[in-house]
Amino acid sequence: MARMGVIDIGTSQWNDKTDMRITEIIKHPDYRRSKKYHDLALLRLERSIEINQNLSPICLYTEEEDPSIPLTVSGWGTTSATRDEKSQILLKANLSVVPISRCKDSYKNWLKLPKEITDEQICAGDSKGLHDACQGDSGGPLQGLPYRDGFYRLVGITSFGRGCGSAEPGVYIRIAKYLDWIEDVVWPNEI
């Protein structure tokens, strides 16, 4: 079941929530649980989502170069690397892109990264090491507001990190590198 339009999952007072059955989970064909690459999937829902004041689409960020815009990561994950308690309210953190060279240094020699950090990934963090995604936030959005049209763009998908709120950057799947696969799944018969 997919639940949409909810910010506080600790209350049953969801006036504008939308529940929908998931009919299919489509993992990227190159994803392997033992590695940290191609860590994304699409959900096919039983019907189209009706847009309302609590539900709106997010555009996909199509530029392959790193965005120079402020980014926001959000989720209901744990609020500390040392506690298992998850947030009941959707939390967000403002982040910036971290240069790939610094990110590669942070994650070199990881067994699950035999190719190191690749251009299919993007790294982001807080310069003070205070804010970050945490356990339970994986699969959530890394988004930015780069255009004058007022629409957020999905830049990445939360994949993994080292601890929470540390000086090490988090690693996200770079959406722009997967546009062809996403379009092939969503619109399989389009030319």
N, C-alpha and C. Protein backbone atom coordinates (compact mmCIF):
# COMPACT_ATOMS: atom_id res chain seq x y z
N MET A 1 0.85 -1.18 0.00
CA MET A 1 0.00 0.00 0.00
C MET A 1 0.89 1.24 0.00
N ALA A 2 0.57 2.19 -0.83
CA ALA A 2 1.26 3.48 -0.85
C ALA A 2 0.32 4.52 -0.25
N ARG A 3 0.82 5.29 0.68
CA ARG A 3 0.02 6.35 1.31
C ARG A 3 0.65 7.68 0.92
N MET A 4 -0.17 8.58 0.42
CA MET A 4 0.30 9.89 -0.05
C MET A 4 -0.47 11.01 0.61
N GLY A 5 0.14 12.18 0.69
CA GLY A 5 -0.52 13.36 1.23
C GLY A 5 -0.47 13.45 2.74
N VAL A 6 0.45 12.72 3.38
CA VAL A 6 0.54 12.69 4.84
C VAL A 6 1.89 13.27 5.27
N ILE A 7 1.86 14.14 6.26
CA ILE A 7 3.08 14.69 6.83
C ILE A 7 3.34 14.09 8.21
N ASP A 8 2.29 13.93 9.01
CA ASP A 8 2.41 13.39 10.36
C ASP A 8 1.84 11.97 10.38
N ILE A 9 2.72 10.96 10.43
CA ILE A 9 2.25 9.58 10.41
C ILE A 9 1.87 9.08 11.80
N GLY A 10 2.01 9.95 12.81
CA GLY A 10 1.68 9.58 14.18
C GLY A 10 0.24 9.88 14.54
N THR A 11 -0.53 10.40 13.61
CA THR A 11 -1.93 10.70 13.89
C THR A 11 -2.82 9.96 12.91
N SER A 12 -4.03 9.69 13.32
CA SER A 12 -4.99 9.05 12.41
C SER A 12 -5.90 10.09 11.77
N GLN A 13 -5.63 11.36 12.01
CA GLN A 13 -6.45 12.44 11.47
C GLN A 13 -5.93 12.88 10.10
N TRP A 14 -6.04 12.00 9.13
CA TRP A 14 -5.56 12.30 7.79
C TRP A 14 -6.74 12.63 6.90
N ASN A 15 -7.09 13.86 6.82
CA ASN A 15 -8.26 14.25 6.03
C ASN A 15 -8.02 14.12 4.54
N ASP A 16 -6.82 14.42 4.11
CA ASP A 16 -6.55 14.47 2.67
C ASP A 16 -5.60 13.38 2.20
N LYS A 17 -5.49 12.30 2.94
CA LYS A 17 -4.58 11.23 2.54
C LYS A 17 -5.16 10.45 1.37
N THR A 18 -4.28 9.85 0.62
CA THR A 18 -4.66 8.97 -0.47
C THR A 18 -3.92 7.66 -0.29
N ASP A 19 -4.67 6.56 -0.18
CA ASP A 19 -4.08 5.22 -0.13
C ASP A 19 -4.31 4.55 -1.47
N MET A 20 -3.27 3.89 -1.94
CA MET A 20 -3.38 3.21 -3.22
C MET A 20 -2.59 1.91 -3.20
N ARG A 21 -3.16 0.90 -3.79
CA ARG A 21 -2.50 -0.40 -3.86
C ARG A 21 -1.35 -0.33 -4.87
N ILE A 22 -0.21 -0.90 -4.48
CA ILE A 22 0.93 -1.02 -5.39
C ILE A 22 0.75 -2.31 -6.18
N THR A 23 0.69 -2.20 -7.50
CA THR A 23 0.49 -3.40 -8.32
C THR A 23 1.80 -4.01 -8.81
N GLU A 24 2.87 -3.20 -8.80
CA GLU A 24 4.16 -3.72 -9.26
C GLU A 24 5.30 -2.86 -8.73
N ILE A 25 6.38 -3.51 -8.33
CA ILE A 25 7.62 -2.83 -7.96
C ILE A 25 8.63 -3.17 -9.03
N ILE A 26 9.13 -2.16 -9.73
CA ILE A 26 10.06 -2.37 -10.84
C ILE A 26 11.44 -1.89 -10.41
N LYS A 27 12.31 -2.82 -10.05
CA LYS A 27 13.69 -2.48 -9.66
C LYS A 27 14.52 -2.25 -10.92
N HIS A 28 15.51 -1.39 -10.81
CA HIS A 28 16.41 -1.20 -11.94
C HIS A 28 17.07 -2.54 -12.25
N PRO A 29 17.16 -2.92 -13.53
CA PRO A 29 17.67 -4.26 -13.88
C PRO A 29 19.13 -4.50 -13.47
N ASP A 30 19.91 -3.45 -13.26
CA ASP A 30 21.31 -3.63 -12.87
C ASP A 30 21.54 -3.56 -11.36
N TYR A 31 20.46 -3.39 -10.60
CA TYR A 31 20.59 -3.31 -9.14
C TYR A 31 20.99 -4.67 -8.57
N ARG A 32 21.96 -4.65 -7.67
CA ARG A 32 22.38 -5.84 -6.92
C ARG A 32 22.46 -5.44 -5.46
N ARG A 33 21.82 -6.20 -4.61
CA ARG A 33 21.78 -5.86 -3.19
C ARG A 33 23.19 -5.76 -2.58
N SER A 34 24.13 -6.52 -3.12
CA SER A 34 25.48 -6.55 -2.57
C SER A 34 26.33 -5.34 -2.96
N LYS A 35 25.82 -4.50 -3.86
CA LYS A 35 26.55 -3.31 -4.32
C LYS A 35 25.69 -2.06 -4.10
N LYS A 36 26.31 -0.90 -4.17
CA LYS A 36 25.59 0.35 -3.92
C LYS A 36 25.34 1.14 -5.20
N TYR A 37 25.06 0.43 -6.29
CA TYR A 37 24.81 1.09 -7.56
C TYR A 37 23.38 0.82 -8.04
N HIS A 38 22.83 1.72 -8.85
CA HIS A 38 21.50 1.54 -9.49
C HIS A 38 20.42 1.28 -8.44
N ASP A 39 20.50 1.98 -7.32
CA ASP A 39 19.63 1.75 -6.17
C ASP A 39 18.32 2.54 -6.31
N LEU A 40 17.50 2.14 -7.27
CA LEU A 40 16.21 2.80 -7.45
C LEU A 40 15.20 1.82 -8.02
N ALA A 41 13.94 2.14 -7.77
CA ALA A 41 12.83 1.33 -8.27
C ALA A 41 11.66 2.27 -8.54
N LEU A 42 10.76 1.81 -9.38
CA LEU A 42 9.52 2.53 -9.65
C LEU A 42 8.36 1.71 -9.11
N LEU A 43 7.32 2.39 -8.66
CA LEU A 43 6.11 1.72 -8.18
C LEU A 43 4.99 1.96 -9.17
N ARG A 44 4.35 0.89 -9.59
CA ARG A 44 3.17 1.03 -10.43
C ARG A 44 1.97 0.95 -9.49
N LEU A 45 1.10 1.95 -9.56
CA LEU A 45 -0.06 2.02 -8.68
C LEU A 45 -1.31 1.57 -9.41
N GLU A 46 -2.34 1.26 -8.65
CA GLU A 46 -3.56 0.71 -9.23
C GLU A 46 -4.31 1.70 -10.13
N ARG A 47 -4.07 2.98 -9.92
CA ARG A 47 -4.72 4.00 -10.76
C ARG A 47 -3.89 5.29 -10.71
N SER A 48 -4.27 6.25 -11.52
CA SER A 48 -3.58 7.54 -11.53
C SER A 48 -3.85 8.30 -10.24
N ILE A 49 -2.91 9.10 -9.85
CA ILE A 49 -3.04 9.92 -8.64
C ILE A 49 -3.77 11.20 -8.99
N GLU A 50 -4.76 11.54 -8.17
CA GLU A 50 -5.47 12.80 -8.36
C GLU A 50 -4.71 13.91 -7.64
N ILE A 51 -4.37 14.94 -8.38
CA ILE A 51 -3.62 16.06 -7.83
C ILE A 51 -4.56 16.91 -6.98
N ASN A 52 -4.09 17.31 -5.79
CA ASN A 52 -4.87 18.20 -4.92
C ASN A 52 -3.92 19.07 -4.13
N GLN A 53 -4.42 19.76 -3.11
CA GLN A 53 -3.56 20.68 -2.35
C GLN A 53 -2.44 19.97 -1.60
N ASN A 54 -2.58 18.68 -1.34
CA ASN A 54 -1.55 17.92 -0.63
C ASN A 54 -0.72 17.02 -1.54
N LEU A 55 -1.13 16.86 -2.77
CA LEU A 55 -0.43 15.98 -3.71
C LEU A 55 -0.15 16.72 -5.00
N SER A 56 1.12 16.83 -5.33
CA SER A 56 1.48 17.44 -6.61
C SER A 56 2.67 16.68 -7.17
N PRO A 57 2.79 16.68 -8.49
CA PRO A 57 3.91 15.95 -9.09
C PRO A 57 5.22 16.71 -8.89
N ILE A 58 6.30 15.98 -9.00
CA ILE A 58 7.62 16.61 -8.99
C ILE A 58 8.24 16.35 -10.36
N CYS A 59 8.85 17.37 -10.91
CA CYS A 59 9.52 17.22 -12.20
C CYS A 59 10.87 16.53 -11.98
N LEU A 60 11.37 15.90 -13.02
CA LEU A 60 12.67 15.25 -12.94
C LEU A 60 13.75 16.22 -13.39
N TYR A 61 14.83 16.29 -12.65
CA TYR A 61 15.96 17.14 -13.01
C TYR A 61 16.71 16.47 -14.14
N THR A 62 16.80 17.13 -15.28
CA THR A 62 17.34 16.49 -16.49
C THR A 62 18.79 16.85 -16.80
N GLU A 63 19.34 17.81 -16.08
CA GLU A 63 20.73 18.22 -16.35
C GLU A 63 21.69 17.21 -15.74
N GLU A 64 22.72 16.83 -16.49
CA GLU A 64 23.67 15.85 -15.97
C GLU A 64 24.76 16.48 -15.12
N GLU A 65 24.97 17.79 -15.24
CA GLU A 65 25.98 18.41 -14.38
C GLU A 65 25.38 18.66 -12.99
N ASP A 66 26.24 18.82 -12.01
CA ASP A 66 25.78 19.04 -10.65
C ASP A 66 24.98 20.33 -10.56
N PRO A 67 23.84 20.29 -9.90
CA PRO A 67 23.07 21.52 -9.72
C PRO A 67 23.78 22.46 -8.75
N SER A 68 23.69 23.74 -9.02
CA SER A 68 24.31 24.73 -8.12
C SER A 68 23.24 25.39 -7.26
N ILE A 69 22.19 24.68 -7.02
CA ILE A 69 21.04 25.19 -6.28
C ILE A 69 20.99 24.54 -4.90
N PRO A 70 20.33 25.19 -3.95
CA PRO A 70 20.13 24.54 -2.65
C PRO A 70 19.26 23.29 -2.82
N LEU A 71 19.59 22.26 -2.09
CA LEU A 71 18.86 21.00 -2.17
C LEU A 71 18.20 20.70 -0.83
N THR A 72 17.14 19.92 -0.89
CA THR A 72 16.44 19.50 0.32
C THR A 72 16.23 18.00 0.27
N VAL A 73 16.55 17.31 1.36
CA VAL A 73 16.27 15.89 1.50
C VAL A 73 15.20 15.76 2.57
N SER A 74 14.29 14.81 2.40
CA SER A 74 13.22 14.65 3.39
C SER A 74 12.93 13.18 3.65
N GLY A 75 12.34 12.92 4.82
CA GLY A 75 11.97 11.55 5.16
C GLY A 75 11.50 11.42 6.60
N TRP A 76 11.06 10.21 6.92
CA TRP A 76 10.59 9.87 8.26
C TRP A 76 11.59 8.96 8.98
N GLY A 77 12.83 8.99 8.58
CA GLY A 77 13.84 8.09 9.15
C GLY A 77 14.21 8.45 10.58
N THR A 78 15.19 7.74 11.10
CA THR A 78 15.65 8.00 12.46
C THR A 78 16.26 9.40 12.52
N THR A 79 16.24 9.96 13.72
CA THR A 79 16.74 11.32 13.89
C THR A 79 18.15 11.35 14.45
N SER A 80 18.73 10.18 14.67
CA SER A 80 20.08 10.09 15.20
C SER A 80 20.67 8.74 14.84
N ALA A 81 21.96 8.70 14.58
CA ALA A 81 22.62 7.43 14.26
C ALA A 81 22.68 6.51 15.47
N THR A 82 22.51 7.05 16.66
CA THR A 82 22.62 6.25 17.88
C THR A 82 21.28 5.82 18.45
N ARG A 83 20.18 6.29 17.88
CA ARG A 83 18.85 5.90 18.37
C ARG A 83 18.05 5.31 17.23
N ASP A 84 17.19 4.37 17.57
CA ASP A 84 16.37 3.70 16.57
C ASP A 84 15.02 4.38 16.38
N GLU A 85 14.75 5.42 17.11
CA GLU A 85 13.45 6.07 17.08
C GLU A 85 13.27 6.85 15.78
N LYS A 86 12.18 6.53 15.07
CA LYS A 86 11.90 7.22 13.81
C LYS A 86 11.01 8.42 14.06
N SER A 87 11.10 9.38 13.18
CA SER A 87 10.27 10.57 13.28
C SER A 87 8.84 10.25 12.87
N GLN A 88 7.88 10.82 13.55
CA GLN A 88 6.48 10.69 13.18
C GLN A 88 6.07 11.78 12.19
N ILE A 89 6.88 12.82 12.12
CA ILE A 89 6.59 13.96 11.25
C ILE A 89 7.65 14.01 10.15
N LEU A 90 7.23 14.28 8.94
CA LEU A 90 8.15 14.39 7.82
C LEU A 90 9.17 15.50 8.11
N LEU A 91 10.44 15.12 8.11
CA LEU A 91 11.51 16.07 8.38
C LEU A 91 12.26 16.39 7.10
N LYS A 92 12.93 17.53 7.09
CA LYS A 92 13.73 17.90 5.92
C LYS A 92 15.04 18.52 6.39
N ALA A 93 16.01 18.45 5.51
CA ALA A 93 17.32 19.07 5.77
C ALA A 93 17.80 19.73 4.50
N ASN A 94 18.35 20.91 4.63
CA ASN A 94 18.90 21.64 3.49
C ASN A 94 20.36 21.22 3.29
N LEU A 95 20.69 20.86 2.07
CA LEU A 95 22.02 20.36 1.73
C LEU A 95 22.56 21.07 0.50
N SER A 96 23.84 20.86 0.24
CA SER A 96 24.49 21.34 -0.97
C SER A 96 25.22 20.18 -1.63
N VAL A 97 25.45 20.31 -2.93
CA VAL A 97 26.22 19.29 -3.64
C VAL A 97 27.65 19.29 -3.11
N VAL A 98 28.19 18.09 -2.93
CA VAL A 98 29.58 17.91 -2.50
C VAL A 98 30.37 17.47 -3.73
N PRO A 99 31.53 18.07 -3.98
CA PRO A 99 32.33 17.67 -5.15
C PRO A 99 32.61 16.17 -5.16
N ILE A 100 32.57 15.59 -6.35
CA ILE A 100 32.75 14.14 -6.50
C ILE A 100 34.10 13.69 -5.96
N SER A 101 35.13 14.52 -6.09
CA SER A 101 36.46 14.13 -5.59
C SER A 101 36.44 13.94 -4.07
N ARG A 102 35.78 14.83 -3.36
CA ARG A 102 35.67 14.70 -1.90
C ARG A 102 34.84 13.47 -1.54
N CYS A 103 33.80 13.24 -2.29
CA CYS A 103 32.93 12.10 -2.04
C CYS A 103 33.68 10.79 -2.27
N LYS A 104 34.46 10.74 -3.33
CA LYS A 104 35.26 9.53 -3.60
C LYS A 104 36.24 9.26 -2.46
N ASP A 105 36.84 10.32 -1.93
CA ASP A 105 37.75 10.15 -0.79
C ASP A 105 37.02 9.59 0.43
N SER A 106 35.79 10.05 0.63
CA SER A 106 35.02 9.60 1.80
C SER A 106 34.64 8.13 1.73
N TYR A 107 34.48 7.60 0.51
CA TYR A 107 33.97 6.23 0.36
C TYR A 107 34.95 5.30 -0.35
N LYS A 108 36.22 5.65 -0.43
CA LYS A 108 37.16 4.74 -1.09
C LYS A 108 37.37 3.50 -0.22
N ASN A 109 37.63 2.40 -0.90
CA ASN A 109 37.87 1.10 -0.27
C ASN A 109 36.63 0.47 0.38
N TRP A 110 35.44 0.92 0.02
CA TRP A 110 34.22 0.27 0.50
C TRP A 110 34.00 -0.98 -0.35
N LEU A 111 33.73 -2.10 0.28
CA LEU A 111 33.50 -3.35 -0.46
C LEU A 111 32.29 -3.26 -1.38
N LYS A 112 31.27 -2.52 -0.96
CA LYS A 112 30.06 -2.40 -1.78
C LYS A 112 30.19 -1.36 -2.89
N LEU A 113 31.37 -0.76 -3.01
CA LEU A 113 31.62 0.24 -4.06
C LEU A 113 32.89 -0.10 -4.83
N PRO A 114 32.93 -1.25 -5.52
CA PRO A 114 34.15 -1.63 -6.22
C PRO A 114 34.55 -0.65 -7.32
N LYS A 115 33.59 0.10 -7.87
CA LYS A 115 33.89 1.11 -8.90
C LYS A 115 33.99 2.50 -8.28
N GLU A 116 34.06 2.58 -6.96
CA GLU A 116 34.02 3.83 -6.22
C GLU A 116 32.70 4.55 -6.49
N ILE A 117 32.66 5.83 -6.23
CA ILE A 117 31.48 6.64 -6.55
C ILE A 117 31.52 6.90 -8.06
N THR A 118 30.38 6.71 -8.73
CA THR A 118 30.32 6.89 -10.18
C THR A 118 29.52 8.14 -10.54
N ASP A 119 29.50 8.48 -11.82
CA ASP A 119 28.72 9.65 -12.24
C ASP A 119 27.22 9.39 -12.22
N GLU A 120 26.81 8.17 -11.90
CA GLU A 120 25.39 7.86 -11.73
C GLU A 120 24.92 8.17 -10.31
N GLN A 121 25.85 8.67 -9.51
CA GLN A 121 25.56 9.04 -8.13
C GLN A 121 25.90 10.52 -7.95
N ILE A 122 25.27 11.13 -6.97
CA ILE A 122 25.54 12.52 -6.62
C ILE A 122 25.67 12.57 -5.10
N CYS A 123 26.59 13.36 -4.62
CA CYS A 123 26.81 13.45 -3.18
C CYS A 123 26.36 14.82 -2.69
N ALA A 124 25.78 14.83 -1.50
CA ALA A 124 25.31 16.08 -0.92
C ALA A 124 25.50 16.02 0.59
N GLY A 125 25.65 17.19 1.17
CA GLY A 125 25.82 17.25 2.62
C GLY A 125 25.66 18.66 3.13
N ASP A 126 25.76 18.77 4.43
CA ASP A 126 25.70 20.04 5.13
C ASP A 126 27.14 20.40 5.49
N SER A 127 27.57 21.60 5.15
CA SER A 127 28.97 21.98 5.35
C SER A 127 29.41 21.87 6.81
N LYS A 128 28.47 21.98 7.74
CA LYS A 128 28.80 21.87 9.16
C LYS A 128 28.65 20.44 9.68
N GLY A 129 28.13 19.54 8.85
CA GLY A 129 27.96 18.16 9.29
C GLY A 129 26.86 17.98 10.31
N LEU A 130 25.89 18.88 10.31
CA LEU A 130 24.81 18.81 11.31
C LEU A 130 23.55 18.16 10.77
N HIS A 131 23.32 18.25 9.47
CA HIS A 131 22.06 17.78 8.89
C HIS A 131 22.34 16.77 7.79
N ASP A 132 21.45 15.77 7.70
CA ASP A 132 21.69 14.68 6.76
C ASP A 132 20.44 13.81 6.73
N ALA A 133 20.38 12.93 5.75
CA ALA A 133 19.40 11.85 5.78
C ALA A 133 19.91 10.82 6.79
N CYS A 134 19.04 9.90 7.21
CA CYS A 134 19.44 8.91 8.20
C CYS A 134 18.76 7.58 7.87
N GLN A 135 18.99 6.55 8.70
CA GLN A 135 18.38 5.25 8.45
C GLN A 135 16.86 5.41 8.36
N GLY A 136 16.28 4.79 7.35
CA GLY A 136 14.84 4.90 7.13
C GLY A 136 14.46 5.94 6.11
N ASP A 137 15.40 6.78 5.69
CA ASP A 137 15.12 7.81 4.68
C ASP A 137 15.43 7.33 3.27
N SER A 138 16.06 6.17 3.14
CA SER A 138 16.44 5.66 1.81
C SER A 138 15.22 5.57 0.91
N GLY A 139 15.40 5.94 -0.34
CA GLY A 139 14.30 5.96 -1.30
C GLY A 139 13.58 7.28 -1.35
N GLY A 140 13.88 8.18 -0.42
CA GLY A 140 13.25 9.49 -0.37
C GLY A 140 13.89 10.46 -1.34
N PRO A 141 13.28 11.63 -1.51
CA PRO A 141 13.75 12.58 -2.53
C PRO A 141 14.88 13.49 -2.07
N LEU A 142 15.77 13.79 -3.00
CA LEU A 142 16.71 14.90 -2.91
C LEU A 142 16.23 15.87 -3.98
N GLN A 143 15.68 16.98 -3.55
CA GLN A 143 15.02 17.87 -4.51
C GLN A 143 15.57 19.28 -4.44
N GLY A 144 15.35 20.01 -5.52
CA GLY A 144 15.77 21.40 -5.59
C GLY A 144 14.74 22.22 -6.33
N LEU A 145 14.81 23.53 -6.18
CA LEU A 145 13.88 24.44 -6.85
C LEU A 145 14.66 25.33 -7.80
N PRO A 146 15.12 24.75 -8.93
CA PRO A 146 16.05 25.49 -9.78
C PRO A 146 15.43 26.43 -10.81
N TYR A 147 14.17 26.32 -11.07
CA TYR A 147 13.60 27.09 -12.17
C TYR A 147 12.59 28.11 -11.68
N ARG A 148 12.36 29.11 -12.50
CA ARG A 148 11.42 30.17 -12.15
C ARG A 148 9.98 29.71 -12.20
N ASP A 149 9.73 28.52 -12.71
CA ASP A 149 8.35 28.05 -12.83
C ASP A 149 7.76 27.62 -11.49
N GLY A 150 8.58 27.57 -10.43
CA GLY A 150 8.07 27.24 -9.11
C GLY A 150 7.94 25.76 -8.83
N PHE A 151 8.34 24.91 -9.77
CA PHE A 151 8.23 23.47 -9.56
C PHE A 151 9.55 22.91 -9.04
N TYR A 152 9.42 22.07 -8.03
CA TYR A 152 10.60 21.35 -7.54
C TYR A 152 11.05 20.35 -8.58
N ARG A 153 12.33 20.06 -8.56
CA ARG A 153 12.91 19.04 -9.44
C ARG A 153 13.50 17.93 -8.57
N LEU A 154 13.23 16.69 -8.94
CA LEU A 154 13.83 15.55 -8.26
C LEU A 154 15.24 15.37 -8.82
N VAL A 155 16.23 15.69 -8.01
CA VAL A 155 17.64 15.61 -8.42
C VAL A 155 18.20 14.23 -8.13
N GLY A 156 17.80 13.65 -7.00
CA GLY A 156 18.33 12.35 -6.61
C GLY A 156 17.40 11.60 -5.69
N ILE A 157 17.78 10.35 -5.43
CA ILE A 157 17.05 9.48 -4.51
C ILE A 157 18.04 9.06 -3.43
N THR A 158 17.63 9.20 -2.17
CA THR A 158 18.50 8.84 -1.05
C THR A 158 18.91 7.38 -1.15
N SER A 159 20.22 7.13 -1.13
CA SER A 159 20.74 5.78 -1.25
C SER A 159 21.44 5.33 0.04
N PHE A 160 22.54 5.98 0.41
CA PHE A 160 23.26 5.56 1.61
C PHE A 160 24.16 6.68 2.11
N GLY A 161 24.71 6.47 3.27
CA GLY A 161 25.65 7.42 3.85
C GLY A 161 26.46 6.74 4.94
N ARG A 162 27.26 7.53 5.59
CA ARG A 162 28.08 7.03 6.68
C ARG A 162 27.62 7.75 7.94
N GLY A 163 26.83 7.05 8.76
CA GLY A 163 26.27 7.70 9.94
C GLY A 163 25.17 8.66 9.54
N CYS A 164 24.83 9.54 10.46
CA CYS A 164 23.80 10.56 10.21
C CYS A 164 24.31 11.89 10.75
N GLY A 165 24.15 12.92 9.97
CA GLY A 165 24.57 14.24 10.41
C GLY A 165 26.07 14.30 10.69
N SER A 166 26.83 13.55 9.90
CA SER A 166 28.29 13.57 10.08
C SER A 166 28.91 14.49 9.03
N ALA A 167 30.19 14.64 9.10
CA ALA A 167 30.89 15.48 8.12
C ALA A 167 30.99 14.79 6.76
N GLU A 168 30.69 13.49 6.72
CA GLU A 168 30.76 12.74 5.47
C GLU A 168 29.50 13.00 4.65
N PRO A 169 29.62 13.16 3.34
CA PRO A 169 28.44 13.41 2.51
C PRO A 169 27.57 12.17 2.37
N GLY A 170 26.29 12.39 2.11
CA GLY A 170 25.39 11.30 1.77
C GLY A 170 25.47 11.05 0.27
N VAL A 171 25.10 9.84 -0.14
CA VAL A 171 25.16 9.47 -1.56
C VAL A 171 23.74 9.23 -2.05
N TYR A 172 23.45 9.79 -3.21
CA TYR A 172 22.12 9.75 -3.81
C TYR A 172 22.24 9.23 -5.23
N ILE A 173 21.19 8.61 -5.72
CA ILE A 173 21.15 8.18 -7.11
C ILE A 173 20.81 9.40 -7.96
N ARG A 174 21.61 9.68 -8.98
CA ARG A 174 21.44 10.85 -9.84
C ARG A 174 20.36 10.55 -10.88
N ILE A 175 19.20 11.16 -10.72
CA ILE A 175 18.03 10.90 -11.58
C ILE A 175 18.33 11.13 -13.05
N ALA A 176 19.08 12.17 -13.37
CA ALA A 176 19.34 12.51 -14.78
C ALA A 176 19.99 11.35 -15.54
N LYS A 177 20.71 10.48 -14.86
CA LYS A 177 21.38 9.35 -15.51
C LYS A 177 20.42 8.18 -15.77
N TYR A 178 19.22 8.26 -15.25
CA TYR A 178 18.26 7.16 -15.37
C TYR A 178 16.99 7.55 -16.13
N LEU A 179 17.01 8.70 -16.79
CA LEU A 179 15.81 9.17 -17.48
C LEU A 179 15.34 8.19 -18.56
N ASP A 180 16.25 7.65 -19.35
CA ASP A 180 15.84 6.71 -20.40
C ASP A 180 15.15 5.49 -19.81
N TRP A 181 15.71 4.93 -18.73
CA TRP A 181 15.10 3.76 -18.10
C TRP A 181 13.72 4.11 -17.53
N ILE A 182 13.62 5.25 -16.85
CA ILE A 182 12.34 5.67 -16.27
C ILE A 182 11.29 5.82 -17.37
N GLU A 183 11.65 6.50 -18.46
CA GLU A 183 10.70 6.70 -19.55
C GLU A 183 10.32 5.38 -20.22
N ASP A 184 11.27 4.46 -20.37
CA ASP A 184 10.95 3.15 -20.96
C ASP A 184 9.95 2.38 -20.11
N VAL A 185 10.04 2.52 -18.80
CA VAL A 185 9.10 1.82 -17.90
C VAL A 185 7.74 2.52 -17.89
N VAL A 186 7.75 3.84 -17.79
CA VAL A 186 6.50 4.59 -17.67
C VAL A 186 5.74 4.64 -18.99
N TRP A 187 6.45 4.82 -20.08
CA TRP A 187 5.82 4.92 -21.40
C TRP A 187 6.45 3.88 -22.33
N PRO A 188 6.18 2.59 -22.13
CA PRO A 188 6.89 1.54 -22.89
C PRO A 188 6.58 1.52 -24.38
N ASN A 189 5.46 2.04 -24.80
CA ASN A 189 5.07 1.95 -26.21
C ASN A 189 5.25 3.26 -26.97
N GLU A 190 5.84 4.25 -26.32
CA GLU A 190 6.06 5.54 -26.97
C GLU A 190 7.28 5.47 -27.87
N ILE A 191 7.25 6.20 -28.95
CA ILE A 191 8.41 6.24 -29.86
C ILE A 191 9.17 7.52 -29.64
